[in-house]
Protein backbone atom coordinates (compact mmCIF):
# COMPACT_ATOMS: atom_id res chain seq x y z
CA UNK A 1 126.09 -31.99 -19.43
CA UNK A 2 128.71 -30.69 -17.02
CA UNK A 3 130.19 -32.47 -13.84
CA UNK A 4 127.60 -35.29 -12.79
CA UNK A 5 126.38 -34.83 -9.27
CA UNK A 6 124.58 -37.85 -8.79
CA UNK A 7 121.95 -38.85 -6.13
CA UNK A 8 120.01 -42.16 -5.64
CA UNK A 9 116.47 -42.09 -4.58
CA UNK A 10 115.16 -45.46 -3.13
CA UNK A 11 111.40 -45.60 -2.86
CA UNK A 12 111.39 -49.17 -1.85
CA UNK A 13 108.76 -49.76 1.15
CA UNK A 14 107.29 -46.22 1.14
CA UNK A 15 103.83 -46.56 2.50
CA UNK A 16 102.55 -43.02 3.30
CA UNK A 17 102.91 -39.54 1.57
CA UNK A 18 105.01 -38.75 4.66
CA UNK A 19 107.39 -41.56 3.99
CA UNK A 20 107.82 -40.62 0.15
CA UNK A 21 108.56 -37.15 0.75
CA UNK A 22 110.89 -37.49 3.86
CA UNK A 23 112.59 -40.25 1.51
CA UNK A 24 112.96 -37.46 -1.10
CA UNK A 25 114.11 -34.97 1.44
CA UNK A 26 116.94 -37.00 2.70
CA UNK A 27 118.11 -38.54 -0.47
CA UNK A 28 118.40 -35.39 -2.40
CA UNK A 29 119.66 -33.35 0.79
CA UNK A 30 116.84 -30.97 0.46
CA UNK A 31 116.83 -27.82 3.06
CA UNK A 32 115.16 -28.19 6.38
CA UNK A 33 112.50 -26.05 5.04
CA UNK A 34 111.30 -28.34 2.51
CA UNK A 35 107.60 -28.39 2.80
CA UNK A 36 106.92 -32.12 1.84
CA UNK A 37 104.29 -31.38 -0.75
CA UNK A 38 104.57 -31.31 -4.68
CA UNK A 39 104.95 -27.32 -4.94
CA UNK A 40 107.97 -27.67 -2.42
CA UNK A 41 109.43 -30.23 -4.36
CA UNK A 42 109.16 -28.43 -7.47
CA UNK A 43 111.07 -25.51 -5.72
CA UNK A 44 113.89 -27.63 -4.42
CA UNK A 45 114.42 -29.73 -7.31
CA UNK A 46 114.16 -26.74 -9.73
CA UNK A 47 116.35 -24.34 -7.62
CA UNK A 48 118.03 -25.79 -4.50
CA UNK A 49 118.94 -29.36 -5.79
CA UNK A 50 122.62 -29.71 -5.93
CA UNK A 51 122.16 -32.90 -7.95
CA UNK A 52 121.98 -33.04 -11.71
CA UNK A 53 121.48 -36.71 -12.06
CA UNK A 54 119.10 -38.69 -9.91
CA UNK A 55 118.46 -42.48 -10.20
CA UNK A 56 115.09 -43.49 -8.70
CA UNK A 57 114.51 -47.00 -7.72
CA UNK A 58 111.80 -49.03 -5.82
CA UNK A 59 108.80 -47.54 -7.59
CA UNK A 60 107.02 -50.50 -7.95
CA UNK A 61 107.69 -51.21 -4.43
CA UNK A 62 105.67 -48.62 -2.86
CA UNK A 63 102.18 -48.92 -1.46
CA UNK A 64 99.39 -48.65 -3.98
CA UNK A 65 97.97 -45.39 -2.43
CA UNK A 66 101.20 -43.60 -3.47
CA UNK A 67 100.93 -44.69 -7.28
CA UNK A 68 99.14 -41.08 -8.13
CA UNK A 69 102.15 -39.38 -6.25
CA UNK A 70 104.96 -41.23 -7.93
CA UNK A 71 103.12 -40.25 -11.36
CA UNK A 72 103.30 -36.46 -10.06
CA UNK A 73 106.87 -36.86 -9.10
CA UNK A 74 107.77 -38.21 -12.16
CA UNK A 75 106.19 -35.62 -14.11
CA UNK A 76 107.92 -32.81 -12.12
CA UNK A 77 111.28 -34.52 -12.77
CA UNK A 78 110.48 -34.49 -16.43
CA UNK A 79 109.52 -30.88 -16.33
CA UNK A 80 112.71 -30.05 -14.57
CA UNK A 81 114.48 -31.94 -17.30
CA UNK A 82 113.03 -30.02 -19.94
CA UNK A 83 113.58 -26.59 -17.98
CA UNK A 84 117.15 -27.48 -17.48
CA UNK A 85 117.89 -29.02 -20.92
CA UNK A 86 121.21 -31.00 -20.94
CA UNK A 87 122.09 -29.90 -17.26
CA UNK A 88 119.65 -32.13 -15.53
CA UNK A 89 118.70 -35.79 -15.93
CA UNK A 90 117.24 -38.50 -14.27
CA UNK A 91 116.43 -42.37 -14.69
CA UNK A 92 114.22 -44.73 -13.25
CA UNK A 93 115.44 -48.21 -12.47
CA UNK A 94 112.88 -50.78 -11.04
């Protein structure tokens, strides 16, 4: 992996999908046009993200209503890891 550019995404206390996407946008420095949906997340994580290593914390501390969304986020992160094999990675610390 090239130089590590690290970001931490702390999801503790997210109660709504809006909270979750706002936290993602702010933590990963996504552009203002980030659409706060999973298609936009994929576009930004795959093309516009300046970070190549992301640590995610607090997944178990989100509202139950967000569990499915957390699974979607993790699937997209894994897809991005496979796409950028060796140049992008993430870890989940809970």
